[in-house]
């Protein structure tokens, strides 16, 4: 995924998806620790405290914008629907090739 002339790694993209769709997330629940560091560096994620406990991350507004841009939509709900639809098409193609 390209953002501001920088390409996000697969780990960063997986982590961004997880944070936007399911965040905030505790460190142990993140798909990629290196992806988290990449997102923190780019301002797409922040470290936060949840109910008095540290070790959580959340997507920033910049991260949410990058998520929407990647999936070609303006709203998070539409971007999530586009991501799921795209994944379904890819899975169907793989199933048909393996049949």
Protein backbone atom coordinates (compact mmCIF):
# COMPACT_ATOMS: atom_id res chain seq x y z
CA UNK A 1 0.00 0.00 0.00
CA UNK A 2 1.40 3.41 -0.95
CA UNK A 3 0.89 6.35 1.33
CA UNK A 4 2.67 9.69 1.10
CA UNK A 5 5.28 8.24 -1.30
CA UNK A 6 5.98 5.40 1.16
CA UNK A 7 4.90 1.82 0.60
CA UNK A 8 3.57 0.03 3.66
CA UNK A 9 4.85 -3.47 4.29
CA UNK A 10 2.41 -6.36 4.38
CA UNK A 11 2.77 -6.50 8.16
CA UNK A 12 1.94 -2.81 8.48
CA UNK A 13 -1.12 -3.18 6.24
CA UNK A 14 -2.35 -6.21 8.20
CA UNK A 15 -1.84 -4.30 11.45
CA UNK A 16 -3.59 -1.20 10.11
CA UNK A 17 -6.59 -3.30 9.07
CA UNK A 18 -6.72 -4.90 12.52
CA UNK A 19 -6.46 -1.55 14.33
CA UNK A 20 -9.10 0.18 12.21
CA UNK A 21 -11.57 -2.70 12.26
CA UNK A 22 -11.01 -4.08 15.77
CA UNK A 23 -8.92 -1.58 17.75
CA UNK A 24 -7.72 -0.57 20.11
CA UNK A 25 -5.63 -3.73 20.39
CA UNK A 26 -3.21 -4.99 23.02
CA UNK A 27 0.38 -5.68 21.89
CA UNK A 28 -0.11 -9.44 21.96
CA UNK A 29 -3.12 -9.24 19.65
CA UNK A 30 -1.38 -7.34 16.84
CA UNK A 31 -0.67 -9.23 13.59
CA UNK A 32 2.83 -7.72 13.31
CA UNK A 33 5.07 -5.97 15.82
CA UNK A 34 7.29 -4.56 13.05
CA UNK A 35 4.14 -3.38 11.27
CA UNK A 36 3.10 -1.59 14.46
CA UNK A 37 6.43 0.25 14.63
CA UNK A 38 6.07 1.26 10.99
CA UNK A 39 2.57 2.66 11.62
CA UNK A 40 3.71 4.49 14.78
CA UNK A 41 6.56 6.08 12.81
CA UNK A 42 4.16 7.23 10.07
CA UNK A 43 1.61 8.62 12.53
CA UNK A 44 -1.01 6.06 11.52
CA UNK A 45 -1.12 4.47 14.98
CA UNK A 46 -0.58 5.65 18.56
CA UNK A 47 0.09 3.95 21.86
CA UNK A 48 -2.74 4.41 24.33
CA UNK A 49 -3.87 3.47 27.83
CA UNK A 50 -7.08 1.44 28.16
CA UNK A 51 -8.77 1.20 31.57
CA UNK A 52 -5.50 1.99 33.35
CA UNK A 53 -3.45 -0.54 31.36
CA UNK A 54 -0.71 0.40 28.91
CA UNK A 55 0.40 -1.74 25.98
CA UNK A 56 -2.45 -0.87 23.63
CA UNK A 57 -2.40 0.66 20.16
CA UNK A 58 -5.10 2.42 18.16
CA UNK A 59 -5.35 3.76 14.63
CA UNK A 60 -5.17 7.53 14.19
CA UNK A 61 -7.34 9.56 11.84
CA UNK A 62 -4.40 9.47 9.41
CA UNK A 63 -4.38 5.68 9.67
CA UNK A 64 -8.13 5.55 9.02
CA UNK A 65 -7.68 7.77 5.96
CA UNK A 66 -4.92 5.51 4.62
CA UNK A 67 -7.15 2.46 5.22
CA UNK A 68 -10.02 4.06 3.28
CA UNK A 69 -7.70 5.20 0.48
CA UNK A 70 -6.23 1.72 0.12
CA UNK A 71 -9.68 0.19 -0.39
CA UNK A 72 -10.92 3.03 -2.61
CA UNK A 73 -13.65 4.35 -0.36
CA UNK A 74 -14.30 7.48 1.70
CA UNK A 75 -15.91 5.89 4.76
CA UNK A 76 -14.52 3.15 6.98
CA UNK A 77 -17.69 1.04 6.72
CA UNK A 78 -17.56 1.18 2.91
CA UNK A 79 -13.83 0.42 2.87
CA UNK A 80 -14.36 -2.60 5.12
CA UNK A 81 -17.15 -3.87 2.85
CA UNK A 82 -14.87 -3.41 -0.19
CA UNK A 83 -12.05 -5.29 1.57
CA UNK A 84 -14.33 -8.19 2.46
CA UNK A 85 -15.80 -8.34 -1.05
CA UNK A 86 -12.32 -8.31 -2.61
CA UNK A 87 -11.20 -11.09 -0.25
CA UNK A 88 -14.27 -13.17 -1.19
CA UNK A 89 -13.49 -12.84 -4.90
CA UNK A 90 -9.85 -13.82 -4.36
CA UNK A 91 -10.89 -16.83 -2.27
CA UNK A 92 -13.39 -17.94 -4.93
CA UNK A 93 -10.70 -17.72 -7.62
CA UNK A 94 -8.31 -19.81 -5.53
CA UNK A 95 -11.00 -22.40 -4.81
CA UNK A 96 -11.86 -22.71 -8.51
CA UNK A 97 -8.18 -23.20 -9.42
CA UNK A 98 -7.79 -25.92 -6.79
CA UNK A 99 -10.93 -27.83 -7.83
